C-alpha atoms as a PDB file:
ATOM      1  CA  MET A   1       5.960-108.319 253.995  1.00  0.00           C
ATOM      2  CA  SER A   2       8.474-107.753 251.372  1.00  0.00           C
ATOM      3  CA  ILE A   3       9.729-104.124 250.449  1.00  0.00           C
ATOM      4  CA  PHE A   4       9.248-105.344 246.766  1.00  0.00           C
ATOM      5  CA  GLU A   5       5.828-107.270 247.158  1.00  0.00           C
ATOM      6  CA  PRO A   6       4.163-105.043 249.929  1.00  0.00           C
ATOM      7  CA  GLU A   7       0.776-106.706 249.879  1.00  0.00           C
ATOM      8  CA  GLY A   8       0.751-106.858 253.831  1.00  0.00           C
ATOM      9  CA  LEU A   9       1.696-103.258 253.925  1.00  0.00           C
ATOM     10  CA  TRP A  10      -1.338-102.254 252.070  1.00  0.00           C
ATOM     11  CA  GLU A  11      -3.732-104.436 254.346  1.00  0.00           C
ATOM     12  CA  ALA A  12      -2.332-102.499 257.342  1.00  0.00           C
ATOM     13  CA  VAL A  13      -3.080 -99.159 255.415  1.00  0.00           C
ATOM     14  CA  ARG A  14      -6.608-100.197 254.789  1.00  0.00           C
ATOM     15  CA  GLU A  15      -7.140-100.842 258.570  1.00  0.00           C
ATOM     16  CA  ARG A  16      -5.459 -97.537 259.571  1.00  0.00           C
ATOM     17  CA  MET A  17      -7.655 -95.546 257.195  1.00  0.00           C
ATOM     18  CA  GLN A  18     -10.726 -96.500 259.170  1.00  0.00           C
ATOM     19  CA  ARG A  19      -9.336 -94.841 262.502  1.00  0.00           C
ATOM     20  CA  PRO A  20     -10.015 -91.241 263.284  1.00  0.00           C
ATOM     21  CA  GLY A  21      -7.186 -88.996 262.113  1.00  0.00           C
ATOM     22  CA  ALA A  22      -5.981 -91.034 259.230  1.00  0.00           C
ATOM     23  CA  ILE A  23      -6.530 -88.124 256.804  1.00  0.00           C
ATOM     24  CA  GLY A  24      -4.245 -85.649 259.346  1.00  0.00           C
ATOM     25  CA  TRP A  25      -1.510 -88.380 259.224  1.00  0.00           C
ATOM     26  CA  LEU A  26      -1.536 -88.672 255.314  1.00  0.00           C
ATOM     27  CA  LEU A  27      -1.337 -85.096 254.960  1.00  0.00           C
ATOM     28  CA  LEU A  28       1.420 -84.692 257.623  1.00  0.00           C
ATOM     29  CA  ILE A  29       3.734 -87.497 256.040  1.00  0.00           C
ATOM     30  CA  PRO A  30       4.381 -85.391 252.843  1.00  0.00           C
ATOM     31  CA  ILE A  31       4.952 -82.341 254.780  1.00  0.00           C
ATOM     32  CA  VAL A  32       7.398 -83.687 257.076  1.00  0.00           C
ATOM     33  CA  GLY A  33       9.054 -86.087 254.523  1.00  0.00           C
ATOM     34  CA  ALA A  34       9.373 -83.001 252.017  1.00  0.00           C
ATOM     35  CA  LEU A  35      10.968 -80.774 254.925  1.00  0.00           C
ATOM     36  CA  ALA A  36      13.445 -83.482 256.016  1.00  0.00           C
ATOM     37  CA  VAL A  37      14.569 -84.069 252.392  1.00  0.00           C
ATOM     38  CA  THR A  38      14.789 -80.417 251.670  1.00  0.00           C
ATOM     39  CA  ILE A  39      17.065 -79.906 254.468  1.00  0.00           C
ATOM     40  CA  ALA A  40      19.266 -82.915 253.589  1.00  0.00           C
ATOM     41  CA  VAL A  41      19.396 -81.292 249.869  1.00  0.00           C
ATOM     42  CA  GLU A  42      20.251 -77.894 251.471  1.00  0.00           C
ATOM     43  CA  MET A  43      22.786 -79.224 253.683  1.00  0.00           C
ATOM     44  CA  GLY A  44      24.444 -81.112 250.809  1.00  0.00           C
ATOM     45  CA  VAL A  45      24.360 -77.933 248.684  1.00  0.00           C
ATOM     46  CA  ARG A  46      25.833 -75.895 251.263  1.00  0.00           C
ATOM     47  CA  VAL A  47      28.206 -78.040 253.249  1.00  0.00           C
ATOM     48  CA  PHE A  48      29.129 -80.941 251.140  1.00  0.00           C
ATOM     49  CA  THR A  49      29.165 -79.151 247.522  1.00  0.00           C
ATOM     50  CA  THR A  50      31.013 -80.872 244.674  1.00  0.00           C
ATOM     51  CA  GLU A  51      33.043 -77.868 243.757  1.00  0.00           C
ATOM     52  CA  TRP A  52      35.937 -79.701 244.296  1.00  0.00           C
ATOM     53  CA  ASN A  53      35.432 -81.780 241.030  1.00  0.00           C
ATOM     54  CA  ALA A  54      36.551 -79.683 238.253  1.00  0.00           C
ATOM     55  CA  VAL A  55      35.738 -82.437 235.597  1.00  0.00           C
ATOM     56  CA  ILE A  56      32.099 -82.384 236.483  1.00  0.00           C
ATOM     57  CA  GLY A  57      32.236 -78.692 236.998  1.00  0.00           C
ATOM     58  CA  TYR A  58      29.007 -78.637 239.342  1.00  0.00           C
ATOM     59  CA  SER A  59      28.666 -75.524 241.286  1.00  0.00           C
ATOM     60  CA  ALA A  60      25.771 -74.665 243.445  1.00  0.00           C
ATOM     61  CA  ARG A  61      24.491 -71.100 243.111  1.00  0.00           C
ATOM     62  CA  PRO A  62      23.920 -69.403 246.284  1.00  0.00           C
ATOM     63  CA  ASP A  63      20.463 -69.407 247.401  1.00  0.00           C
ATOM     64  CA  ASP A  64      20.563 -66.429 249.846  1.00  0.00           C
ATOM     65  CA  ASP A  65      16.774 -65.562 249.792  1.00  0.00           C
ATOM     66  CA  GLY A  66      15.622 -69.077 250.419  1.00  0.00           C
ATOM     67  CA  ALA A  67      13.404 -69.560 246.971  1.00  0.00           C
ATOM     68  CA  ARG A  68      15.115 -72.702 245.826  1.00  0.00           C
ATOM     69  CA  LEU A  69      14.632 -74.193 249.366  1.00  0.00           C
ATOM     70  CA  ARG A  70      10.958 -73.170 249.334  1.00  0.00           C
ATOM     71  CA  LEU A  71      10.515 -74.427 245.948  1.00  0.00           C
ATOM     72  CA  VAL A  72      11.899 -78.005 246.647  1.00  0.00           C
ATOM     73  CA  TRP A  73       9.868 -78.256 249.577  1.00  0.00           C
ATOM     74  CA  ALA A  74       6.699 -77.246 248.080  1.00  0.00           C
ATOM     75  CA  ALA A  75       7.138 -79.488 245.260  1.00  0.00           C
ATOM     76  CA  LEU A  76       8.127 -82.426 247.298  1.00  0.00           C
ATOM     77  CA  ALA A  77       5.194 -81.887 249.854  1.00  0.00           C
ATOM     78  CA  VAL A  78       2.481 -81.287 246.862  1.00  0.00           C
ATOM     79  CA  ALA A  79       3.495 -84.100 244.719  1.00  0.00           C
ATOM     80  CA  PRO A  80       1.721 -87.089 246.360  1.00  0.00           C
ATOM     81  CA  LEU A  81      -1.387 -84.770 246.542  1.00  0.00           C
ATOM     82  CA  ALA A  82      -1.226 -84.012 242.919  1.00  0.00           C
ATOM     83  CA  GLN A  83      -0.750 -87.702 242.241  1.00  0.00           C
ATOM     84  CA  ALA A  84      -3.691 -88.651 244.230  1.00  0.00           C
ATOM     85  CA  ALA A  85      -5.832 -85.821 242.540  1.00  0.00           C
ATOM     86  CA  THR A  86      -4.913 -87.299 239.322  1.00  0.00           C
ATOM     87  CA  GLY A  87      -5.603 -90.926 240.396  1.00  0.00           C
ATOM     88  CA  LEU A  88      -9.072 -89.820 241.547  1.00  0.00           C
ATOM     89  CA  LEU A  89      -9.764 -88.148 238.371  1.00  0.00           C
ATOM     90  CA  ILE A  90      -8.823 -91.166 236.006  1.00  0.00           C
ATOM     91  CA  LEU A  91     -10.217 -93.880 238.492  1.00  0.00           C
ATOM     92  CA  PRO A  92     -13.408 -94.279 236.532  1.00  0.00           C
ATOM     93  CA  LEU A  93     -11.532 -95.079 233.245  1.00  0.00           C
ATOM     94  CA  TYR A  94     -10.306 -98.191 234.859  1.00  0.00           C
ATOM     95  CA  GLY A  95     -13.595 -99.334 236.275  1.00  0.00           C
ATOM     96  CA  SER A  96     -13.188 -98.233 239.797  1.00  0.00           C
ATOM     97  CA  ARG A  97     -15.136 -95.858 241.855  1.00  0.00           C
ATOM     98  CA  ARG A  98     -13.409 -92.902 243.321  1.00  0.00           C
ATOM     99  CA  ARG A  99     -12.391 -93.075 246.802  1.00  0.00           C
ATOM    100  CA  ALA A 100     -10.250 -89.964 247.843  1.00  0.00           C
ATOM    101  CA  ARG A 101      -9.135 -91.491 251.100  1.00  0.00           C
ATOM    102  CA  ALA A 102      -7.597 -94.513 249.487  1.00  0.00           C
ATOM    103  CA  ALA A 103      -6.191 -92.343 246.659  1.00  0.00           C
ATOM    104  CA  LEU A 104      -4.511 -90.311 249.047  1.00  0.00           C
ATOM    105  CA  ALA A 105      -3.196 -93.410 250.825  1.00  0.00           C
ATOM    106  CA  VAL A 106      -1.642 -94.942 247.768  1.00  0.00           C
ATOM    107  CA  ALA A 107       0.081 -91.899 246.680  1.00  0.00           C
ATOM    108  CA  VAL A 108       1.490 -90.799 250.187  1.00  0.00           C
ATOM    109  CA  VAL A 109       2.543 -94.237 251.315  1.00  0.00           C
ATOM    110  CA  GLY A 110       3.973 -94.910 248.000  1.00  0.00           C
ATOM    111  CA  THR A 111       6.142 -91.952 248.424  1.00  0.00           C
ATOM    112  CA  ILE A 112       7.567 -92.943 251.625  1.00  0.00           C
ATOM    113  CA  PRO A 113      10.695 -94.802 250.221  1.00  0.00           C
ATOM    114  CA  LEU A 114      11.548 -91.642 248.217  1.00  0.00           C
ATOM    115  CA  TYR A 115      11.422 -89.561 251.250  1.00  0.00           C
ATOM    116  CA  VAL A 116      13.655 -91.809 253.195  1.00  0.00           C
ATOM    117  CA  ALA A 117      16.081 -92.306 250.339  1.00  0.00           C
ATOM    118  CA  GLY A 118      15.988 -88.399 250.111  1.00  0.00           C
ATOM    119  CA  LEU A 119      17.788 -88.224 253.235  1.00  0.00           C
ATOM    120  CA  SER A 120      20.964 -89.542 251.452  1.00  0.00           C
ATOM    121  CA  LEU A 121      20.955 -86.517 249.343  1.00  0.00           C
ATOM    122  CA  VAL A 122      23.183 -84.965 251.813  1.00  0.00           C
ATOM    123  CA  LEU A 123      25.918 -86.247 249.491  1.00  0.00           C
ATOM    124  CA  LEU A 124      25.721 -86.264 245.677  1.00  0.00           C
ATOM    125  CA  PRO A 125      25.986 -90.085 245.092  1.00  0.00           C
ATOM    126  CA  GLY A 126      22.892 -90.228 247.245  1.00  0.00           C
ATOM    127  CA  ILE A 127      20.902 -89.795 244.138  1.00  0.00           C
ATOM    128  CA  LEU A 128      21.678 -93.269 243.148  1.00  0.00           C
ATOM    129  CA  LEU A 129      19.852 -94.518 246.276  1.00  0.00           C
ATOM    130  CA  VAL A 130      16.820 -92.263 245.263  1.00  0.00           C
ATOM    131  CA  LEU A 131      16.749 -93.955 241.959  1.00  0.00           C
ATOM    132  CA  VAL A 132      16.370 -97.285 243.654  1.00  0.00           C
ATOM    133  CA  ALA A 133      13.957 -95.868 245.880  1.00  0.00           C
ATOM    134  CA  PHE A 134      11.847 -94.586 242.817  1.00  0.00           C
ATOM    135  CA  PHE A 135      11.580 -98.182 241.721  1.00  0.00           C
ATOM    136  CA  VAL A 136      10.313 -99.368 244.893  1.00  0.00           C
ATOM    137  CA  SER A 137       7.877 -96.538 245.098  1.00  0.00           C
ATOM    138  CA  LEU A 138       6.680 -97.473 241.544  1.00  0.00           C
ATOM    139  CA  VAL A 139       6.199-101.193 242.854  1.00  0.00           C
ATOM    140  CA  TRP A 140       4.186 -99.770 246.043  1.00  0.00           C
ATOM    141  CA  TRP A 141       1.987 -97.554 243.893  1.00  0.00           C
ATOM    142  CA  ILE A 142       1.071-100.166 241.698  1.00  0.00           C
ATOM    143  CA  THR A 143       0.295-102.817 244.448  1.00  0.00           C
ATOM    144  CA  GLY A 144      -1.610-100.024 246.243  1.00  0.00           C
ATOM    145  CA  ALA A 145      -3.623 -99.273 243.159  1.00  0.00           C
ATOM    146  CA  ARG A 146      -4.325-102.760 242.837  1.00  0.00           C
ATOM    147  CA  GLN A 147      -5.510-103.767 246.395  1.00  0.00           C
ATOM    148  CA  LEU A 148      -6.802-100.318 247.547  1.00  0.00           C
ATOM    149  CA  LEU A 149      -8.291 -98.654 244.378  1.00  0.00           C
ATOM    150  CA  GLU A 150      -9.303-101.886 242.681  1.00  0.00           C
ATOM    151  CA  VAL A 151      -7.442-101.104 239.493  1.00  0.00           C
ATOM    152  CA  PRO A 152      -7.178-104.312 237.366  1.00  0.00           C
ATOM    153  CA  GLN A 153      -3.861-106.067 237.861  1.00  0.00           C
ATOM    154  CA  ALA A 154      -2.921-105.932 234.071  1.00  0.00           C
ATOM    155  CA  GLU A 155      -3.824-101.744 234.029  1.00  0.00           C
ATOM    156  CA  ALA A 156      -2.247-100.899 237.403  1.00  0.00           C
ATOM    157  CA  PRO A 157       1.150 -99.991 235.780  1.00  0.00           C
ATOM    158  CA  GLU A 158      -0.329 -97.822 233.186  1.00  0.00           C
ATOM    159  CA  PHE A 159      -2.485 -96.236 235.965  1.00  0.00           C
ATOM    160  CA  VAL A 160       0.695 -95.423 238.032  1.00  0.00           C
ATOM    161  CA  THR A 161       2.422 -94.047 234.973  1.00  0.00           C
ATOM    162  CA  ILE A 162      -0.279 -91.609 234.141  1.00  0.00           C
ATOM    163  CA  THR A 163      -0.643 -90.390 237.654  1.00  0.00           C
ATOM    164  CA  VAL A 164       3.222 -89.871 238.221  1.00  0.00           C
ATOM    165  CA  LEU A 165       3.589 -88.103 234.765  1.00  0.00           C
ATOM    166  CA  ALA A 166       0.343 -86.107 235.041  1.00  0.00           C
ATOM    167  CA  ALA A 167       1.511 -85.073 238.696  1.00  0.00           C
ATOM    168  CA  SER A 168       4.993 -84.235 237.616  1.00  0.00           C
ATOM    169  CA  SER A 169       3.933 -82.313 234.605  1.00  0.00           C
ATOM    170  CA  ALA A 170       1.429 -80.176 236.694  1.00  0.00           C
ATOM    171  CA  LEU A 171       4.308 -79.487 239.346  1.00  0.00           C
ATOM    172  CA  ILE A 172       6.946 -78.407 236.460  1.00  0.00           C
ATOM    173  CA  LEU A 173       4.163 -76.091 234.921  1.00  0.00           C
ATOM    174  CA  CYS A 174       3.132 -74.630 238.341  1.00  0.00           C
ATOM    175  CA  SER A 175       6.949 -74.106 239.368  1.00  0.00           C
ATOM    176  CA  THR A 176       7.599 -72.402 236.085  1.00  0.00           C
ATOM    177  CA  ALA A 177       4.372 -70.235 236.094  1.00  0.00           C
ATOM    178  CA  PHE A 178       4.320 -69.343 239.591  1.00  0.00           C
ATOM    179  CA  PRO A 179       8.165 -69.264 240.909  1.00  0.00           C
ATOM    180  CA  LEU A 180       8.169 -68.924 244.862  1.00  0.00           C
END
């Protein structure tokens, strides 16, 4: 199994989805992953700020009431769920039947590289690692869509692009309309 060609990963996910409690784990991964990344980001902002760099001019605003912390956690936790919901809605357009558990598995498991790399956001250059992790996640989402959701190979990149953009747009709109 390769990180860039995770076909073996999706076979293992398919087997584990049949076990009792699989949905619980698929819901727990985004909650815990988002919390870990949120703590790393908050530590980076509070402890390792970049105020020392006068050229860049970055200075984090204080978050005394914790609103930014809650918003980051909520967005990171809900993102895979929104992506799974979007995928579930458009699956028939790709000739596949709707499978909620598989759509959730593809979205959540595909997000794991981002959660792991997000821990590097304690320091600002960690964003470069998150960028690389995003590309790994794209590969994982595409192979997961092909293997678990049976999206045709030629259409899997388009499917993933639509789900990522729709979920991101929905989260941006919700965070603007309902600030925490």
